[in-house]
Every structure is written in C-alpha cells, then in structure tokens.
Amino acid sequence: MPYVVQAISLVGAVLILGAFLALQRGWWSPAQRRYLWANLVGAGLLTGVAVWDRRLGFIVLEATWAAIAGWSLLRRRAGP
C-alpha cells in the first residue's frame, strides 16, 4: 500500500509542477481550463495522501489549493 500512496503523491506533484512549468514557459495561461484542472486534480490527489498520512498542514494547503482551482473552474463555467 505505501507504494501506491507514493505513486499517487508523485502523480499529484507532477500535475501541479507541470502546470506551473507550463505557466512559467508561457505555454498555458492561468485562466485556461487545463491549467485549472491540472491544479485541481493534482491538489486533490495530494490532499488524499495528506489525509491518509494525517498531515494537517498539508491537508490544509492542498485542500485549499484544490478549492481555489475548483472555484476558478466553476467561475469560468458560469461566464464572466
């Protein structure tokens, strides 16, 4: 089981860091759905790992990160 948790955390980290790299390189913009989805899914995975590992600071960090990305996606869906 720990290997599965490690794999999940790596996927989450790659999604968030990959989105950050794409943003910094100018490939993506912060308002693009793919950027927001990468952040939402990545932070969601890392939140799950933090809950499994009982790391309160990381739970707060990643759950907030996911919530902000999710809120941004909902706002984009609703229009300007």
Protein backbone atom coordinates (compact mmCIF):
# COMPACT_ATOMS: atom_id res chain seq x y z
CA MET A 1 0.00 0.00 0.00
CA PRO A 2 2.73 2.58 0.74
CA TYR A 3 3.99 2.25 -2.85
CA VAL A 4 0.53 3.06 -4.17
CA VAL A 5 0.34 6.12 -1.92
CA GLN A 6 3.79 7.23 -3.09
CA ALA A 7 2.74 6.79 -6.73
CA ILE A 8 -0.43 8.83 -6.15
CA SER A 9 1.57 11.60 -4.49
CA LEU A 10 4.04 11.66 -7.37
CA VAL A 11 1.25 11.95 -9.93
CA GLY A 12 -0.28 14.81 -7.94
CA ALA A 13 3.06 16.60 -7.68
CA VAL A 14 3.78 16.14 -11.40
CA LEU A 15 0.38 17.58 -12.31
CA ILE A 16 0.87 20.69 -10.16
CA LEU A 17 4.51 21.22 -11.08
CA GLY A 18 3.84 20.52 -14.76
CA ALA A 19 1.07 23.12 -14.77
CA PHE A 20 3.39 25.60 -13.05
CA LEU A 21 6.12 24.92 -15.62
CA ALA A 22 3.66 25.36 -18.49
CA LEU A 23 2.51 28.63 -16.97
CA GLN A 24 6.05 29.93 -16.49
CA ARG A 25 7.07 28.97 -20.03
CA GLY A 26 4.03 30.74 -21.47
CA TRP A 27 2.50 27.55 -22.86
CA TRP A 28 -0.59 27.89 -20.66
CA SER A 29 -2.37 30.82 -19.05
CA PRO A 30 -3.80 30.87 -15.52
CA ALA A 31 -7.35 31.10 -16.87
CA GLN A 32 -7.11 28.01 -19.09
CA ARG A 33 -9.19 25.03 -18.08
CA ARG A 34 -6.31 22.59 -18.49
CA TYR A 35 -4.20 24.63 -16.06
CA LEU A 36 -7.02 24.73 -13.53
CA TRP A 37 -7.85 21.03 -13.98
CA ALA A 38 -4.21 20.04 -13.51
CA ASN A 39 -4.13 22.03 -10.27
CA LEU A 40 -7.47 20.66 -9.08
CA VAL A 41 -6.64 17.01 -9.75
CA GLY A 42 -3.05 17.31 -8.52
CA ALA A 43 -4.06 19.05 -5.30
CA GLY A 44 -6.92 16.60 -4.82
CA LEU A 45 -4.56 13.65 -5.06
CA LEU A 46 -2.10 15.26 -2.67
CA THR A 47 -4.94 16.08 -0.26
CA GLY A 48 -5.92 12.42 -0.23
CA VAL A 49 -2.35 11.38 0.52
CA ALA A 50 -2.08 14.00 3.27
CA VAL A 51 -5.32 12.73 4.85
CA TRP A 52 -4.07 9.14 4.64
CA ASP A 53 -0.80 10.20 6.29
CA ARG A 54 -2.55 12.50 8.81
CA ARG A 55 -0.50 15.60 7.94
CA LEU A 56 -2.70 18.51 8.97
CA GLY A 57 -0.56 21.26 7.44
CA PHE A 58 -0.53 19.55 4.05
CA ILE A 59 -4.24 18.78 4.28
CA VAL A 60 -4.96 22.50 4.73
CA LEU A 61 -2.51 23.50 1.98
CA GLU A 62 -3.66 21.03 -0.65
CA ALA A 63 -7.38 21.20 0.16
CA THR A 64 -7.22 24.99 -0.15
CA TRP A 65 -5.27 24.70 -3.41
CA ALA A 66 -7.89 22.31 -4.79
CA ALA A 67 -10.75 24.51 -3.59
CA ILE A 68 -9.32 27.59 -5.30
CA ALA A 69 -8.79 25.70 -8.56
CA GLY A 70 -12.30 24.25 -8.35
CA TRP A 71 -13.82 27.65 -7.61
CA SER A 72 -11.97 29.13 -10.59
CA LEU A 73 -13.30 26.37 -12.85
CA LEU A 74 -16.85 26.99 -11.65
CA ARG A 75 -16.48 30.74 -12.25
CA ARG A 76 -15.21 30.07 -15.79
CA ARG A 77 -18.19 27.82 -16.45
CA ALA A 78 -20.61 30.50 -15.22
CA GLY A 79 -19.09 33.09 -17.57
CA PRO A 80 -17.50 36.49 -16.95
